[in-house]
């Protein structure tokens, strides 16, 4: 996905990042600041091979927070 700037409005993004668990939020912020995988791993006290999966999960969690009506909510509304 690249960096978190593709999520749009910086104020909304900042609010969503603040709702993530700290490790996920920091990982995304570090990547957005231009740090490479090795430095992110060092900052988070992780093995370098753990960074990509961590960023993937962080992006998915952020996407859910940024989406006002995620699919699971829509399914629930249709079932009523």
N, C-alpha and C. Protein backbone atom coordinates (compact mmCIF):
# COMPACT_ATOMS: atom_id res chain seq x y z
N UNK A 1 0.81 -1.19 0.00
CA UNK A 1 0.00 0.00 0.00
C UNK A 1 0.86 1.26 0.00
N UNK A 2 2.09 1.19 0.31
CA UNK A 2 2.94 2.37 0.28
C UNK A 2 2.97 3.09 1.60
N UNK A 3 2.41 4.31 1.61
CA UNK A 3 2.39 5.05 2.86
C UNK A 3 0.96 5.38 3.25
N UNK A 4 0.81 5.91 4.46
CA UNK A 4 -0.53 6.16 4.97
C UNK A 4 -1.17 7.40 4.35
N UNK A 5 -0.43 8.18 3.58
CA UNK A 5 -1.01 9.39 3.00
C UNK A 5 -2.09 9.09 1.97
N UNK A 6 -2.13 7.88 1.45
CA UNK A 6 -3.17 7.56 0.47
C UNK A 6 -4.55 7.46 1.11
N UNK A 7 -4.62 7.53 2.44
CA UNK A 7 -5.90 7.48 3.12
C UNK A 7 -6.63 8.81 3.12
N UNK A 8 -6.00 9.87 2.61
CA UNK A 8 -6.71 11.13 2.43
C UNK A 8 -6.47 12.14 3.53
N UNK A 9 -7.56 12.74 4.01
CA UNK A 9 -7.54 13.85 4.96
C UNK A 9 -6.63 13.56 6.16
N UNK A 10 -5.64 14.44 6.35
CA UNK A 10 -4.64 14.24 7.40
C UNK A 10 -5.25 14.27 8.80
N UNK A 11 -6.28 15.10 9.03
CA UNK A 11 -6.89 15.16 10.37
C UNK A 11 -7.63 13.86 10.67
N UNK A 12 -8.34 13.34 9.69
CA UNK A 12 -9.04 12.07 9.87
C UNK A 12 -8.03 10.95 10.05
N UNK A 13 -6.96 11.00 9.28
CA UNK A 13 -5.90 10.01 9.39
C UNK A 13 -5.27 10.05 10.77
N UNK A 14 -4.95 11.23 11.27
CA UNK A 14 -4.33 11.36 12.59
C UNK A 14 -5.25 10.79 13.67
N UNK A 15 -6.54 11.06 13.55
CA UNK A 15 -7.49 10.52 14.53
C UNK A 15 -7.53 9.00 14.48
N UNK A 16 -7.54 8.44 13.26
CA UNK A 16 -7.57 6.98 13.12
C UNK A 16 -6.28 6.36 13.63
N UNK A 17 -5.14 6.97 13.33
CA UNK A 17 -3.86 6.45 13.82
C UNK A 17 -3.82 6.45 15.34
N UNK A 18 -4.44 7.43 15.96
CA UNK A 18 -4.43 7.49 17.42
C UNK A 18 -5.29 6.40 18.05
N UNK A 19 -6.19 5.82 17.27
CA UNK A 19 -7.06 4.74 17.76
C UNK A 19 -6.43 3.36 17.58
N UNK A 20 -5.38 3.28 16.79
CA UNK A 20 -4.69 2.00 16.61
C UNK A 20 -3.87 1.66 17.83
N UNK A 21 -3.61 0.36 18.06
CA UNK A 21 -2.64 0.01 19.08
C UNK A 21 -1.31 0.70 18.78
N UNK A 22 -0.58 1.12 19.81
CA UNK A 22 0.64 1.92 19.60
C UNK A 22 1.65 1.33 18.62
N UNK A 23 1.88 0.04 18.65
CA UNK A 23 2.87 -0.56 17.76
C UNK A 23 2.47 -0.40 16.30
N UNK A 24 1.20 -0.61 16.00
CA UNK A 24 0.73 -0.46 14.62
C UNK A 24 0.83 1.00 14.18
N UNK A 25 0.38 1.90 15.04
CA UNK A 25 0.42 3.32 14.72
C UNK A 25 1.86 3.79 14.48
N UNK A 26 2.75 3.41 15.37
CA UNK A 26 4.14 3.83 15.23
C UNK A 26 4.77 3.25 13.97
N UNK A 27 4.49 2.00 13.67
CA UNK A 27 5.05 1.38 12.47
C UNK A 27 4.63 2.14 11.22
N UNK A 28 3.36 2.50 11.14
CA UNK A 28 2.87 3.25 9.98
C UNK A 28 3.48 4.64 9.92
N UNK A 29 3.60 5.29 11.07
CA UNK A 29 4.17 6.63 11.11
C UNK A 29 5.66 6.61 10.71
N UNK A 30 6.37 5.60 11.19
CA UNK A 30 7.79 5.49 10.84
C UNK A 30 7.97 5.26 9.34
N UNK A 31 7.14 4.38 8.78
CA UNK A 31 7.22 4.14 7.34
C UNK A 31 6.85 5.39 6.56
N UNK A 32 5.82 6.10 7.03
CA UNK A 32 5.40 7.33 6.37
C UNK A 32 6.49 8.40 6.43
N UNK A 33 7.32 8.34 7.47
CA UNK A 33 8.43 9.29 7.61
C UNK A 33 9.63 8.91 6.75
N UNK A 34 9.55 7.74 6.11
CA UNK A 34 10.61 7.35 5.19
C UNK A 34 11.62 6.35 5.74
N UNK A 35 11.40 5.85 6.94
CA UNK A 35 12.33 4.86 7.49
C UNK A 35 12.21 3.55 6.73
N UNK A 36 13.34 2.88 6.55
CA UNK A 36 13.29 1.59 5.88
C UNK A 36 12.93 0.49 6.88
N UNK A 37 12.71 -0.72 6.34
CA UNK A 37 12.25 -1.85 7.17
C UNK A 37 13.21 -2.17 8.32
N UNK A 38 14.51 -2.05 8.06
CA UNK A 38 15.50 -2.37 9.10
C UNK A 38 15.40 -1.39 10.27
N UNK A 39 15.25 -0.11 9.96
CA UNK A 39 15.14 0.89 11.03
C UNK A 39 13.82 0.77 11.78
N UNK A 40 12.74 0.46 11.06
CA UNK A 40 11.45 0.24 11.73
C UNK A 40 11.58 -0.93 12.68
N UNK A 41 12.20 -2.01 12.23
CA UNK A 41 12.39 -3.19 13.08
C UNK A 41 13.18 -2.82 14.34
N UNK A 42 14.24 -2.05 14.15
CA UNK A 42 15.06 -1.65 15.29
C UNK A 42 14.27 -0.78 16.27
N UNK A 43 13.52 0.17 15.75
CA UNK A 43 12.73 1.05 16.61
C UNK A 43 11.66 0.30 17.40
N UNK A 44 11.09 -0.71 16.79
CA UNK A 44 10.01 -1.47 17.42
C UNK A 44 10.50 -2.73 18.14
N UNK A 45 11.81 -2.94 18.12
CA UNK A 45 12.41 -4.14 18.75
C UNK A 45 11.81 -5.42 18.16
N UNK A 46 11.80 -5.46 16.83
CA UNK A 46 11.27 -6.62 16.10
C UNK A 46 12.36 -7.21 15.22
N UNK A 47 12.14 -8.44 14.81
CA UNK A 47 12.98 -9.02 13.78
C UNK A 47 12.59 -8.35 12.46
N UNK A 48 13.54 -8.08 11.60
CA UNK A 48 13.22 -7.40 10.33
C UNK A 48 12.13 -8.09 9.51
N UNK A 49 12.11 -9.43 9.54
CA UNK A 49 11.10 -10.14 8.75
C UNK A 49 9.69 -9.99 9.31
N UNK A 50 9.55 -9.44 10.51
CA UNK A 50 8.23 -9.23 11.09
C UNK A 50 7.61 -7.89 10.66
N UNK A 51 8.41 -7.01 10.08
CA UNK A 51 7.93 -5.67 9.76
C UNK A 51 6.87 -5.69 8.66
N UNK A 52 7.10 -6.38 7.57
CA UNK A 52 6.11 -6.38 6.48
C UNK A 52 4.75 -6.93 6.93
N UNK A 53 4.70 -8.08 7.62
CA UNK A 53 3.39 -8.54 8.10
C UNK A 53 2.75 -7.57 9.09
N UNK A 54 3.55 -6.96 9.94
CA UNK A 54 3.02 -5.99 10.90
C UNK A 54 2.41 -4.80 10.16
N UNK A 55 3.10 -4.30 9.14
CA UNK A 55 2.58 -3.18 8.36
C UNK A 55 1.30 -3.56 7.62
N UNK A 56 1.23 -4.76 7.12
CA UNK A 56 0.03 -5.23 6.43
C UNK A 56 -1.17 -5.22 7.37
N UNK A 57 -0.99 -5.77 8.56
CA UNK A 57 -2.07 -5.79 9.56
C UNK A 57 -2.43 -4.37 9.97
N UNK A 58 -1.42 -3.54 10.19
CA UNK A 58 -1.66 -2.15 10.58
C UNK A 58 -2.47 -1.42 9.51
N UNK A 59 -2.13 -1.63 8.24
CA UNK A 59 -2.88 -1.00 7.14
C UNK A 59 -4.32 -1.47 7.12
N UNK A 60 -4.54 -2.76 7.35
CA UNK A 60 -5.91 -3.28 7.35
C UNK A 60 -6.71 -2.69 8.51
N UNK A 61 -6.11 -2.63 9.68
CA UNK A 61 -6.79 -2.04 10.83
C UNK A 61 -7.09 -0.56 10.59
N UNK A 62 -6.14 0.15 10.01
CA UNK A 62 -6.34 1.56 9.72
C UNK A 62 -7.46 1.73 8.69
N UNK A 63 -7.50 0.90 7.69
CA UNK A 63 -8.56 0.98 6.67
C UNK A 63 -9.93 0.81 7.29
N UNK A 64 -10.06 -0.10 8.24
CA UNK A 64 -11.35 -0.30 8.92
C UNK A 64 -11.72 0.96 9.70
N UNK A 65 -10.76 1.54 10.38
CA UNK A 65 -11.05 2.76 11.14
C UNK A 65 -11.40 3.94 10.23
N UNK A 66 -10.84 3.96 9.03
CA UNK A 66 -11.07 5.06 8.10
C UNK A 66 -12.37 4.88 7.30
N UNK A 67 -12.91 3.67 7.28
CA UNK A 67 -14.12 3.39 6.50
C UNK A 67 -15.34 3.60 7.40
N UNK A 68 -16.19 4.57 7.08
CA UNK A 68 -17.34 4.84 7.94
C UNK A 68 -18.37 3.71 7.96
N UNK A 69 -18.41 2.90 6.91
CA UNK A 69 -19.36 1.79 6.87
C UNK A 69 -18.69 0.54 6.32
N UNK A 70 -17.89 -0.14 7.17
CA UNK A 70 -17.25 -1.35 6.68
C UNK A 70 -18.28 -2.42 6.30
N UNK A 71 -17.88 -3.35 5.46
CA UNK A 71 -18.82 -4.36 4.94
C UNK A 71 -19.59 -5.11 6.01
N UNK A 72 -18.96 -5.44 7.14
CA UNK A 72 -19.69 -6.22 8.16
C UNK A 72 -20.86 -5.41 8.72
N UNK A 73 -20.76 -4.10 8.79
CA UNK A 73 -21.88 -3.28 9.25
C UNK A 73 -22.99 -3.25 8.20
N UNK A 74 -22.61 -3.20 6.94
CA UNK A 74 -23.60 -3.18 5.87
C UNK A 74 -24.40 -4.47 5.84
N UNK A 75 -23.72 -5.61 6.04
CA UNK A 75 -24.41 -6.90 6.08
C UNK A 75 -25.44 -6.90 7.19
N UNK A 76 -25.07 -6.38 8.35
CA UNK A 76 -25.96 -6.35 9.50
C UNK A 76 -27.19 -5.49 9.18
N UNK A 77 -27.00 -4.35 8.52
CA UNK A 77 -28.12 -3.48 8.19
C UNK A 77 -29.06 -4.13 7.19
N UNK A 78 -28.53 -4.87 6.24
CA UNK A 78 -29.37 -5.54 5.25
C UNK A 78 -30.18 -6.67 5.86
N UNK A 79 -29.68 -7.28 6.93
CA UNK A 79 -30.35 -8.42 7.54
C UNK A 79 -31.58 -7.99 8.34
N UNK A 80 -31.67 -6.69 8.67
CA UNK A 80 -32.80 -6.24 9.50
C UNK A 80 -34.08 -6.11 8.74
